[in-house]
């Protein structure tokens, strides 16, 4: 089974660019560390952010959340957001994908 986590939130307008910069640092670290069997995506529409994390092999988010850049991002995400991020976590069986 794969773990899928979708996190949605709206950043405060004056902190949206800061939030994006901190988020993109996580992707820079992922490119260096190159963990296997995960997919992670970030989407932005104005001040709205959506993070999609898929762990293809294990039900363990630590491969992402233990990264120093992720911890720096998560440290004050509530202060940068209009309301606390809403996370939806599912354990699913991947049937098919394209580009994932």
PDB file of N, CA and C in Angstrom:
ATOM      1  N   UNK A   1       0.837  -1.177   0.000  1.00  0.00           N
ATOM      2  CA  UNK A   1       0.000   0.000   0.000  1.00  0.00           C
ATOM      3  C   UNK A   1       0.885   1.244   0.000  1.00  0.00           C
ATOM      4  N   UNK A   2       0.388   2.263  -0.650  1.00  0.00           N
ATOM      5  CA  UNK A   2       1.103   3.515  -0.723  1.00  0.00           C
ATOM      6  C   UNK A   2       0.401   4.547   0.163  1.00  0.00           C
ATOM      7  N   UNK A   3       1.202   5.419   0.729  1.00  0.00           N
ATOM      8  CA  UNK A   3       0.644   6.505   1.529  1.00  0.00           C
ATOM      9  C   UNK A   3       0.605   7.761   0.672  1.00  0.00           C
ATOM     10  N   UNK A   4      -0.561   8.396   0.632  1.00  0.00           N
ATOM     11  CA  UNK A   4      -0.753   9.618  -0.126  1.00  0.00           C
ATOM     12  C   UNK A   4      -1.185  10.703   0.859  1.00  0.00           C
ATOM     13  N   UNK A   5      -0.464  11.824   0.828  1.00  0.00           N
ATOM     14  CA  UNK A   5      -0.799  12.950   1.694  1.00  0.00           C
ATOM     15  C   UNK A   5      -0.990  14.185   0.831  1.00  0.00           C
ATOM     16  N   UNK A   6      -2.119  14.826   1.001  1.00  0.00           N
ATOM     17  CA  UNK A   6      -2.440  16.066   0.309  1.00  0.00           C
ATOM     18  C   UNK A   6      -2.618  17.139   1.374  1.00  0.00           C
ATOM     19  N   UNK A   7      -1.858  18.228   1.268  1.00  0.00           N
ATOM     20  CA  UNK A   7      -1.925  19.318   2.243  1.00  0.00           C
ATOM     21  C   UNK A   7      -2.290  20.599   1.506  1.00  0.00           C
ATOM     22  N   UNK A   8      -3.332  21.264   2.007  1.00  0.00           N
ATOM     23  CA  UNK A   8      -3.809  22.516   1.380  1.00  0.00           C
ATOM     24  C   UNK A   8      -3.846  23.616   2.428  1.00  0.00           C
ATOM     25  N   UNK A   9      -3.484  24.842   2.000  1.00  0.00           N
ATOM     26  CA  UNK A   9      -3.583  26.003   2.870  1.00  0.00           C
ATOM     27  C   UNK A   9      -3.410  27.270   2.053  1.00  0.00           C
ATOM     28  N   UNK A  10      -3.818  28.380   2.646  1.00  0.00           N
ATOM     29  CA  UNK A  10      -3.618  29.699   2.051  1.00  0.00           C
ATOM     30  C   UNK A  10      -2.582  30.429   2.890  1.00  0.00           C
ATOM     31  N   UNK A  11      -1.552  30.902   2.237  1.00  0.00           N
ATOM     32  CA  UNK A  11      -0.536  31.690   2.931  1.00  0.00           C
ATOM     33  C   UNK A  11      -1.046  33.109   3.126  1.00  0.00           C
ATOM     34  N   UNK A  12      -0.524  33.777   4.117  1.00  0.00           N
ATOM     35  CA  UNK A  12      -0.817  35.199   4.271  1.00  0.00           C
ATOM     36  C   UNK A  12      -0.236  35.904   3.051  1.00  0.00           C
ATOM     37  N   UNK A  13      -0.962  36.857   2.487  1.00  0.00           N
ATOM     38  CA  UNK A  13      -0.501  37.489   1.248  1.00  0.00           C
ATOM     39  C   UNK A  13       0.924  38.031   1.307  1.00  0.00           C
ATOM     40  N   UNK A  14       1.303  38.605   2.442  1.00  0.00           N
ATOM     41  CA  UNK A  14       2.640  39.178   2.548  1.00  0.00           C
ATOM     42  C   UNK A  14       3.720  38.131   2.829  1.00  0.00           C
ATOM     43  N   UNK A  15       3.324  36.854   2.986  1.00  0.00           N
ATOM     44  CA  UNK A  15       4.294  35.801   3.273  1.00  0.00           C
ATOM     45  C   UNK A  15       4.259  34.670   2.256  1.00  0.00           C
ATOM     46  N   UNK A  16       3.456  34.814   1.211  1.00  0.00           N
ATOM     47  CA  UNK A  16       3.321  33.751   0.212  1.00  0.00           C
ATOM     48  C   UNK A  16       4.637  33.485  -0.518  1.00  0.00           C
ATOM     49  N   UNK A  17       5.357  34.522  -0.886  1.00  0.00           N
ATOM     50  CA  UNK A  17       6.636  34.315  -1.578  1.00  0.00           C
ATOM     51  C   UNK A  17       7.668  33.667  -0.662  1.00  0.00           C
ATOM     52  N   UNK A  18       7.672  34.051   0.606  1.00  0.00           N
ATOM     53  CA  UNK A  18       8.560  33.415   1.588  1.00  0.00           C
ATOM     54  C   UNK A  18       8.220  31.930   1.718  1.00  0.00           C
ATOM     55  N   UNK A  19       6.928  31.635   1.781  1.00  0.00           N
ATOM     56  CA  UNK A  19       6.484  30.244   1.879  1.00  0.00           C
ATOM     57  C   UNK A  19       6.947  29.443   0.666  1.00  0.00           C
ATOM     58  N   UNK A  20       6.805  30.039  -0.515  1.00  0.00           N
ATOM     59  CA  UNK A  20       7.253  29.360  -1.731  1.00  0.00           C
ATOM     60  C   UNK A  20       8.759  29.109  -1.688  1.00  0.00           C
ATOM     61  N   UNK A  21       9.523  30.092  -1.288  1.00  0.00           N
ATOM     62  CA  UNK A  21      10.981  29.935  -1.242  1.00  0.00           C
ATOM     63  C   UNK A  21      11.382  28.813  -0.286  1.00  0.00           C
ATOM     64  N   UNK A  22      10.774  28.765   0.889  1.00  0.00           N
ATOM     65  CA  UNK A  22      11.077  27.696   1.844  1.00  0.00           C
ATOM     66  C   UNK A  22      10.675  26.332   1.288  1.00  0.00           C
ATOM     67  N   UNK A  23       9.547  26.281   0.609  1.00  0.00           N
ATOM     68  CA  UNK A  23       9.086  25.029   0.006  1.00  0.00           C
ATOM     69  C   UNK A  23      10.050  24.551  -1.069  1.00  0.00           C
ATOM     70  N   UNK A  24      10.514  25.470  -1.898  1.00  0.00           N
ATOM     71  CA  UNK A  24      11.415  25.085  -2.994  1.00  0.00           C
ATOM     72  C   UNK A  24      12.771  24.612  -2.490  1.00  0.00           C
ATOM     73  N   UNK A  25      13.184  25.062  -1.303  1.00  0.00           N
ATOM     74  CA  UNK A  25      14.426  24.560  -0.716  1.00  0.00           C
ATOM     75  C   UNK A  25      14.331  23.065  -0.433  1.00  0.00           C
ATOM     76  N   UNK A  26      13.133  22.596  -0.082  1.00  0.00           N
ATOM     77  CA  UNK A  26      12.929  21.155   0.136  1.00  0.00           C
ATOM     78  C   UNK A  26      13.207  20.397  -1.166  1.00  0.00           C
ATOM     79  N   UNK A  27      12.728  20.938  -2.279  1.00  0.00           N
ATOM     80  CA  UNK A  27      12.947  20.278  -3.573  1.00  0.00           C
ATOM     81  C   UNK A  27      14.422  20.279  -3.951  1.00  0.00           C
ATOM     82  N   UNK A  28      15.142  21.346  -3.620  1.00  0.00           N
ATOM     83  CA  UNK A  28      16.587  21.377  -3.872  1.00  0.00           C
ATOM     84  C   UNK A  28      17.293  20.269  -3.094  1.00  0.00           C
ATOM     85  N   UNK A  29      16.883  20.074  -1.828  1.00  0.00           N
ATOM     86  CA  UNK A  29      17.491  19.013  -1.024  1.00  0.00           C
ATOM     87  C   UNK A  29      17.109  17.637  -1.559  1.00  0.00           C
ATOM     88  N   UNK A  30      15.854  17.467  -1.964  1.00  0.00           N
ATOM     89  CA  UNK A  30      15.440  16.182  -2.535  1.00  0.00           C
ATOM     90  C   UNK A  30      16.267  15.832  -3.771  1.00  0.00           C
ATOM     91  N   UNK A  31      16.585  16.823  -4.586  1.00  0.00           N
ATOM     92  CA  UNK A  31      17.405  16.575  -5.781  1.00  0.00           C
ATOM     93  C   UNK A  31      18.807  16.111  -5.416  1.00  0.00           C
ATOM     94  N   UNK A  32      19.305  16.552  -4.260  1.00  0.00           N
ATOM     95  CA  UNK A  32      20.640  16.129  -3.803  1.00  0.00           C
ATOM     96  C   UNK A  32      20.590  14.756  -3.147  1.00  0.00           C
ATOM     97  N   UNK A  33      19.597  14.540  -2.299  1.00  0.00           N
ATOM     98  CA  UNK A  33      19.482  13.291  -1.534  1.00  0.00           C
ATOM     99  C   UNK A  33      18.949  12.147  -2.397  1.00  0.00           C
ATOM    100  N   UNK A  34      18.034  12.458  -3.304  1.00  0.00           N
ATOM    101  CA  UNK A  34      17.440  11.520  -4.253  1.00  0.00           C
ATOM    102  C   UNK A  34      16.853  10.263  -3.582  1.00  0.00           C
ATOM    103  N   UNK A  35      15.911  10.454  -2.646  1.00  0.00           N
ATOM    104  CA  UNK A  35      15.305   9.268  -2.015  1.00  0.00           C
ATOM    105  C   UNK A  35      14.491   8.468  -3.029  1.00  0.00           C
ATOM    106  N   UNK A  36      14.497   7.168  -2.855  1.00  0.00           N
ATOM    107  CA  UNK A  36      13.757   6.275  -3.748  1.00  0.00           C
ATOM    108  C   UNK A  36      12.289   6.204  -3.341  1.00  0.00           C
ATOM    109  N   UNK A  37      11.477   5.882  -4.307  1.00  0.00           N
ATOM    110  CA  UNK A  37      10.076   5.502  -4.091  1.00  0.00           C
ATOM    111  C   UNK A  37       9.193   6.573  -3.477  1.00  0.00           C
ATOM    112  N   UNK A  38       9.502   7.846  -3.750  1.00  0.00           N
ATOM    113  CA  UNK A  38       8.591   8.896  -3.329  1.00  0.00           C
ATOM    114  C   UNK A  38       8.309   9.812  -4.514  1.00  0.00           C
ATOM    115  N   UNK A  39       7.195  10.479  -4.430  1.00  0.00           N
ATOM    116  CA  UNK A  39       6.859  11.549  -5.370  1.00  0.00           C
ATOM    117  C   UNK A  39       6.371  12.713  -4.515  1.00  0.00           C
ATOM    118  N   UNK A  40       6.787  13.917  -4.873  1.00  0.00           N
ATOM    119  CA  UNK A  40       6.404  15.098  -4.106  1.00  0.00           C
ATOM    120  C   UNK A  40       6.197  16.234  -5.088  1.00  0.00           C
ATOM    121  N   UNK A  41       5.095  16.931  -4.948  1.00  0.00           N
ATOM    122  CA  UNK A  41       4.787  18.032  -5.859  1.00  0.00           C
ATOM    123  C   UNK A  41       4.246  19.209  -5.064  1.00  0.00           C
ATOM    124  N   UNK A  42       4.503  20.396  -5.582  1.00  0.00           N
ATOM    125  CA  UNK A  42       4.019  21.631  -4.984  1.00  0.00           C
ATOM    126  C   UNK A  42       3.271  22.414  -6.051  1.00  0.00           C
ATOM    127  N   UNK A  43       2.091  22.894  -5.692  1.00  0.00           N
ATOM    128  CA  UNK A  43       1.275  23.696  -6.590  1.00  0.00           C
ATOM    129  C   UNK A  43       0.938  25.017  -5.895  1.00  0.00           C
ATOM    130  N   UNK A  44       0.852  26.079  -6.691  1.00  0.00           N
ATOM    131  CA  UNK A  44       0.486  27.383  -6.135  1.00  0.00           C
ATOM    132  C   UNK A  44      -0.489  28.080  -7.075  1.00  0.00           C
ATOM    133  N   UNK A  45      -1.490  28.710  -6.460  1.00  0.00           N
ATOM    134  CA  UNK A  45      -2.433  29.555  -7.178  1.00  0.00           C
ATOM    135  C   UNK A  45      -2.632  30.794  -6.311  1.00  0.00           C
ATOM    136  N   UNK A  46      -1.935  31.866  -6.622  1.00  0.00           N
ATOM    137  CA  UNK A  46      -1.990  33.064  -5.785  1.00  0.00           C
ATOM    138  C   UNK A  46      -1.365  32.788  -4.433  1.00  0.00           C
ATOM    139  N   UNK A  47      -2.180  32.830  -3.380  1.00  0.00           N
ATOM    140  CA  UNK A  47      -1.685  32.531  -2.029  1.00  0.00           C
ATOM    141  C   UNK A  47      -2.035  31.113  -1.599  1.00  0.00           C
ATOM    142  N   UNK A  48      -2.731  30.359  -2.453  1.00  0.00           N
ATOM    143  CA  UNK A  48      -3.127  28.990  -2.134  1.00  0.00           C
ATOM    144  C   UNK A  48      -2.022  28.015  -2.539  1.00  0.00           C
ATOM    145  N   UNK A  49      -1.684  27.120  -1.613  1.00  0.00           N
ATOM    146  CA  UNK A  49      -0.655  26.121  -1.845  1.00  0.00           C
ATOM    147  C   UNK A  49      -1.236  24.726  -1.658  1.00  0.00           C
ATOM    148  N   UNK A  50      -0.777  23.798  -2.478  1.00  0.00           N
ATOM    149  CA  UNK A  50      -1.141  22.383  -2.350  1.00  0.00           C
ATOM    150  C   UNK A  50       0.142  21.577  -2.462  1.00  0.00           C
ATOM    151  N   UNK A  51       0.375  20.739  -1.469  1.00  0.00           N
ATOM    152  CA  UNK A  51       1.505  19.818  -1.486  1.00  0.00           C
ATOM    153  C   UNK A  51       0.939  18.412  -1.658  1.00  0.00           C
ATOM    154  N   UNK A  52       1.539  17.636  -2.545  1.00  0.00           N
ATOM    155  CA  UNK A  52       1.135  16.250  -2.761  1.00  0.00           C
ATOM    156  C   UNK A  52       2.356  15.369  -2.537  1.00  0.00           C
ATOM    157  N   UNK A  53       2.266  14.478  -1.557  1.00  0.00           N
ATOM    158  CA  UNK A  53       3.367  13.576  -1.228  1.00  0.00           C
ATOM    159  C   UNK A  53       2.871  12.142  -1.359  1.00  0.00           C
ATOM    160  N   UNK A  54       3.602  11.348  -2.119  1.00  0.00           N
ATOM    161  CA  UNK A  54       3.266   9.940  -2.298  1.00  0.00           C
ATOM    162  C   UNK A  54       4.493   9.120  -1.949  1.00  0.00           C
ATOM    163  N   UNK A  55       4.326   8.212  -0.996  1.00  0.00           N
ATOM    164  CA  UNK A  55       5.378   7.268  -0.665  1.00  0.00           C
ATOM    165  C   UNK A  55       4.960   5.943  -1.290  1.00  0.00           C
ATOM    166  N   UNK A  56       5.675   5.534  -2.312  1.00  0.00           N
ATOM    167  CA  UNK A  56       5.263   4.381  -3.110  1.00  0.00           C
ATOM    168  C   UNK A  56       5.529   3.028  -2.463  1.00  0.00           C
ATOM    169  N   UNK A  57       6.352   2.998  -1.418  1.00  0.00           N
ATOM    170  CA  UNK A  57       6.717   1.705  -0.865  1.00  0.00           C
ATOM    171  C   UNK A  57       6.332   1.532   0.594  1.00  0.00           C
ATOM    172  N   UNK A  58       6.374   2.578   1.385  1.00  0.00           N
ATOM    173  CA  UNK A  58       6.153   2.436   2.813  1.00  0.00           C
ATOM    174  C   UNK A  58       5.147   3.453   3.309  1.00  0.00           C
ATOM    175  N   UNK A  59       4.614   3.192   4.487  1.00  0.00           N
ATOM    176  CA  UNK A  59       3.706   4.126   5.141  1.00  0.00           C
ATOM    177  C   UNK A  59       4.515   4.962   6.126  1.00  0.00           C
ATOM    178  N   UNK A  60       5.541   5.646   5.632  1.00  0.00           N
ATOM    179  CA  UNK A  60       6.451   6.406   6.469  1.00  0.00           C
ATOM    180  C   UNK A  60       6.790   7.717   5.780  1.00  0.00           C
ATOM    181  N   UNK A  61       6.345   8.818   6.349  1.00  0.00           N
ATOM    182  CA  UNK A  61       6.617  10.132   5.763  1.00  0.00           C
ATOM    183  C   UNK A  61       7.991  10.656   6.154  1.00  0.00           C
ATOM    184  N   UNK A  62       8.706   9.953   7.041  1.00  0.00           N
ATOM    185  CA  UNK A  62       9.987  10.417   7.535  1.00  0.00           C
ATOM    186  C   UNK A  62      11.009  10.695   6.457  1.00  0.00           C
ATOM    187  N   UNK A  63      10.922   9.982   5.355  1.00  0.00           N
ATOM    188  CA  UNK A  63      11.848  10.207   4.254  1.00  0.00           C
ATOM    189  C   UNK A  63      11.765  11.653   3.774  1.00  0.00           C
ATOM    190  N   UNK A  64      10.634  12.294   3.941  1.00  0.00           N
ATOM    191  CA  UNK A  64      10.462  13.700   3.583  1.00  0.00           C
ATOM    192  C   UNK A  64      10.549  14.588   4.821  1.00  0.00           C
ATOM    193  N   UNK A  65       9.787  14.269   5.850  1.00  0.00           N
ATOM    194  CA  UNK A  65       9.667  15.167   7.000  1.00  0.00           C
ATOM    195  C   UNK A  65      10.924  15.244   7.852  1.00  0.00           C
ATOM    196  N   UNK A  66      11.836  14.288   7.722  1.00  0.00           N
ATOM    197  CA  UNK A  66      13.092  14.337   8.475  1.00  0.00           C
ATOM    198  C   UNK A  66      14.155  15.207   7.803  1.00  0.00           C
ATOM    199  N   UNK A  67      13.911  15.643   6.580  1.00  0.00           N
ATOM    200  CA  UNK A  67      14.883  16.497   5.890  1.00  0.00           C
ATOM    201  C   UNK A  67      15.001  17.832   6.628  1.00  0.00           C
ATOM    202  N   UNK A  68      16.213  18.345   6.809  1.00  0.00           N
ATOM    203  CA  UNK A  68      16.382  19.642   7.488  1.00  0.00           C
ATOM    204  C   UNK A  68      15.614  20.774   6.811  1.00  0.00           C
ATOM    205  N   UNK A  69      15.572  20.780   5.494  1.00  0.00           N
ATOM    206  CA  UNK A  69      14.845  21.853   4.810  1.00  0.00           C
ATOM    207  C   UNK A  69      13.342  21.743   5.033  1.00  0.00           C
ATOM    208  N   UNK A  70      12.827  20.511   5.137  1.00  0.00           N
ATOM    209  CA  UNK A  70      11.394  20.353   5.412  1.00  0.00           C
ATOM    210  C   UNK A  70      11.091  20.818   6.827  1.00  0.00           C
ATOM    211  N   UNK A  71      11.960  20.491   7.765  1.00  0.00           N
ATOM    212  CA  UNK A  71      11.753  20.929   9.142  1.00  0.00           C
ATOM    213  C   UNK A  71      11.797  22.452   9.241  1.00  0.00           C
ATOM    214  N   UNK A  72      12.687  23.093   8.475  1.00  0.00           N
ATOM    215  CA  UNK A  72      12.744  24.560   8.457  1.00  0.00           C
ATOM    216  C   UNK A  72      11.462  25.134   7.858  1.00  0.00           C
ATOM    217  N   UNK A  73      10.956  24.517   6.796  1.00  0.00           N
ATOM    218  CA  UNK A  73       9.698  24.945   6.182  1.00  0.00           C
ATOM    219  C   UNK A  73       8.546  24.792   7.178  1.00  0.00           C
ATOM    220  N   UNK A  74       8.465  23.643   7.831  1.00  0.00           N
ATOM    221  CA  UNK A  74       7.336  23.331   8.710  1.00  0.00           C
ATOM    222  C   UNK A  74       7.367  24.108  10.017  1.00  0.00           C
ATOM    223  N   UNK A  75       8.541  24.588  10.403  1.00  0.00           N
ATOM    224  CA  UNK A  75       8.718  25.229  11.710  1.00  0.00           C
ATOM    225  C   UNK A  75       7.683  26.320  11.979  1.00  0.00           C
ATOM    226  N   UNK A  76       7.460  27.213  11.062  1.00  0.00           N
ATOM    227  CA  UNK A  76       6.503  28.297  11.298  1.00  0.00           C
ATOM    228  C   UNK A  76       5.466  28.435  10.190  1.00  0.00           C
ATOM    229  N   UNK A  77       5.115  27.298   9.582  1.00  0.00           N
ATOM    230  CA  UNK A  77       4.117  27.332   8.504  1.00  0.00           C
ATOM    231  C   UNK A  77       2.781  27.883   9.001  1.00  0.00           C
ATOM    232  N   UNK A  78       2.419  27.620  10.248  1.00  0.00           N
ATOM    233  CA  UNK A  78       1.154  28.150  10.773  1.00  0.00           C
ATOM    234  C   UNK A  78       1.185  29.674  10.853  1.00  0.00           C
ATOM    235  N   UNK A  79       2.352  30.249  11.145  1.00  0.00           N
ATOM    236  CA  UNK A  79       2.476  31.705  11.198  1.00  0.00           C
ATOM    237  C   UNK A  79       2.388  32.329   9.808  1.00  0.00           C
ATOM    238  N   UNK A  80       2.816  31.586   8.782  1.00  0.00           N
ATOM    239  CA  UNK A  80       2.766  32.092   7.409  1.00  0.00           C
ATOM    240  C   UNK A  80       1.404  31.878   6.760  1.00  0.00           C
ATOM    241  N   UNK A  81       0.534  31.118   7.415  1.00  0.00           N
ATOM    242  CA  UNK A  81      -0.743  30.724   6.821  1.00  0.00           C
ATOM    243  C   UNK A  81      -1.912  31.466   7.446  1.00  0.00           C
ATOM    244  N   UNK A  82      -2.966  31.628   6.648  1.00  0.00           N
ATOM    245  CA  UNK A  82      -4.200  32.235   7.149  1.00  0.00           C
ATOM    246  C   UNK A  82      -4.858  31.334   8.202  1.00  0.00           C
ATOM    247  N   UNK A  83      -4.788  30.035   7.990  1.00  0.00           N
ATOM    248  CA  UNK A  83      -5.311  29.032   8.912  1.00  0.00           C
ATOM    249  C   UNK A  83      -4.356  27.840   8.841  1.00  0.00           C
ATOM    250  N   UNK A  84      -4.335  26.988   9.861  1.00  0.00           N
ATOM    251  CA  UNK A  84      -3.432  25.836   9.810  1.00  0.00           C
ATOM    252  C   UNK A  84      -3.675  24.986   8.559  1.00  0.00           C
ATOM    253  N   UNK A  85      -2.602  24.467   7.981  1.00  0.00           N
ATOM    254  CA  UNK A  85      -2.754  23.596   6.810  1.00  0.00           C
ATOM    255  C   UNK A  85      -3.656  22.403   7.115  1.00  0.00           C
ATOM    256  N   UNK A  86      -4.444  22.016   6.116  1.00  0.00           N
ATOM    257  CA  UNK A  86      -5.327  20.852   6.240  1.00  0.00           C
ATOM    258  C   UNK A  86      -4.693  19.687   5.500  1.00  0.00           C
ATOM    259  N   UNK A  87      -4.451  18.613   6.224  1.00  0.00           N
ATOM    260  CA  UNK A  87      -3.836  17.431   5.626  1.00  0.00           C
ATOM    261  C   UNK A  87      -4.864  16.319   5.482  1.00  0.00           C
ATOM    262  N   UNK A  88      -4.835  15.678   4.333  1.00  0.00           N
ATOM    263  CA  UNK A  88      -5.626  14.477   4.088  1.00  0.00           C
ATOM    264  C   UNK A  88      -4.640  13.359   3.829  1.00  0.00           C
ATOM    265  N   UNK A  89      -4.707  12.307   4.634  1.00  0.00           N
ATOM    266  CA  UNK A  89      -3.789  11.177   4.487  1.00  0.00           C
ATOM    267  C   UNK A  89      -4.594   9.929   4.151  1.00  0.00           C
ATOM    268  N   UNK A  90      -4.124   9.240   3.139  1.00  0.00           N
ATOM    269  CA  UNK A  90      -4.789   8.028   2.686  1.00  0.00           C
ATOM    270  C   UNK A  90      -3.760   6.929   2.489  1.00  0.00           C
ATOM    271  N   UNK A  91      -4.151   5.725   2.742  1.00  0.00           N
ATOM    272  CA  UNK A  91      -3.340   4.565   2.394  1.00  0.00           C
ATOM    273  C   UNK A  91      -4.073   3.856   1.273  1.00  0.00           C
ATOM    274  N   UNK A  92      -3.438   3.839   0.115  1.00  0.00           N
ATOM    275  CA  UNK A  92      -4.102   3.370  -1.101  1.00  0.00           C
ATOM    276  C   UNK A  92      -3.228   2.388  -1.855  1.00  0.00           C
ATOM    277  N   UNK A  93      -3.816   1.663  -2.736  1.00  0.00           N
ATOM    278  CA  UNK A  93      -3.098   0.788  -3.646  1.00  0.00           C
ATOM    279  C   UNK A  93      -3.020   1.501  -4.992  1.00  0.00           C
ATOM    280  N   UNK A  94      -1.810   1.773  -5.449  1.00  0.00           N
ATOM    281  CA  UNK A  94      -1.620   2.429  -6.742  1.00  0.00           C
ATOM    282  C   UNK A  94      -1.967   1.454  -7.851  1.00  0.00           C
ATOM    283  N   UNK A  95      -2.914   1.839  -8.668  1.00  0.00           N
ATOM    284  CA  UNK A  95      -3.335   0.991  -9.790  1.00  0.00           C
ATOM    285  C   UNK A  95      -2.641   1.377 -11.090  1.00  0.00           C
ATOM    286  N   UNK A  96      -2.436   2.668 -11.288  1.00  0.00           N
ATOM    287  CA  UNK A  96      -1.778   3.138 -12.500  1.00  0.00           C
ATOM    288  C   UNK A  96      -1.331   4.567 -12.272  1.00  0.00           C
ATOM    289  N   UNK A  97      -0.299   4.968 -13.004  1.00  0.00           N
ATOM    290  CA  UNK A  97       0.134   6.362 -12.938  1.00  0.00           C
ATOM    291  C   UNK A  97       0.862   6.719 -14.219  1.00  0.00           C
ATOM    292  N   UNK A  98       0.951   7.994 -14.439  1.00  0.00           N
ATOM    293  CA  UNK A  98       1.741   8.503 -15.546  1.00  0.00           C
ATOM    294  C   UNK A  98       2.570   9.647 -14.991  1.00  0.00           C
ATOM    295  N   UNK A  99       3.862   9.563 -15.111  1.00  0.00           N
ATOM    296  CA  UNK A  99       4.734  10.622 -14.624  1.00  0.00           C
ATOM    297  C   UNK A  99       4.869  10.668 -13.119  1.00  0.00           C
ATOM    298  N   UNK A 100       4.474   9.636 -12.441  1.00  0.00           N
ATOM    299  CA  UNK A 100       4.561   9.604 -10.977  1.00  0.00           C
ATOM    300  C   UNK A 100       5.549   8.534 -10.577  1.00  0.00           C
TER     301      UNK A 100
END
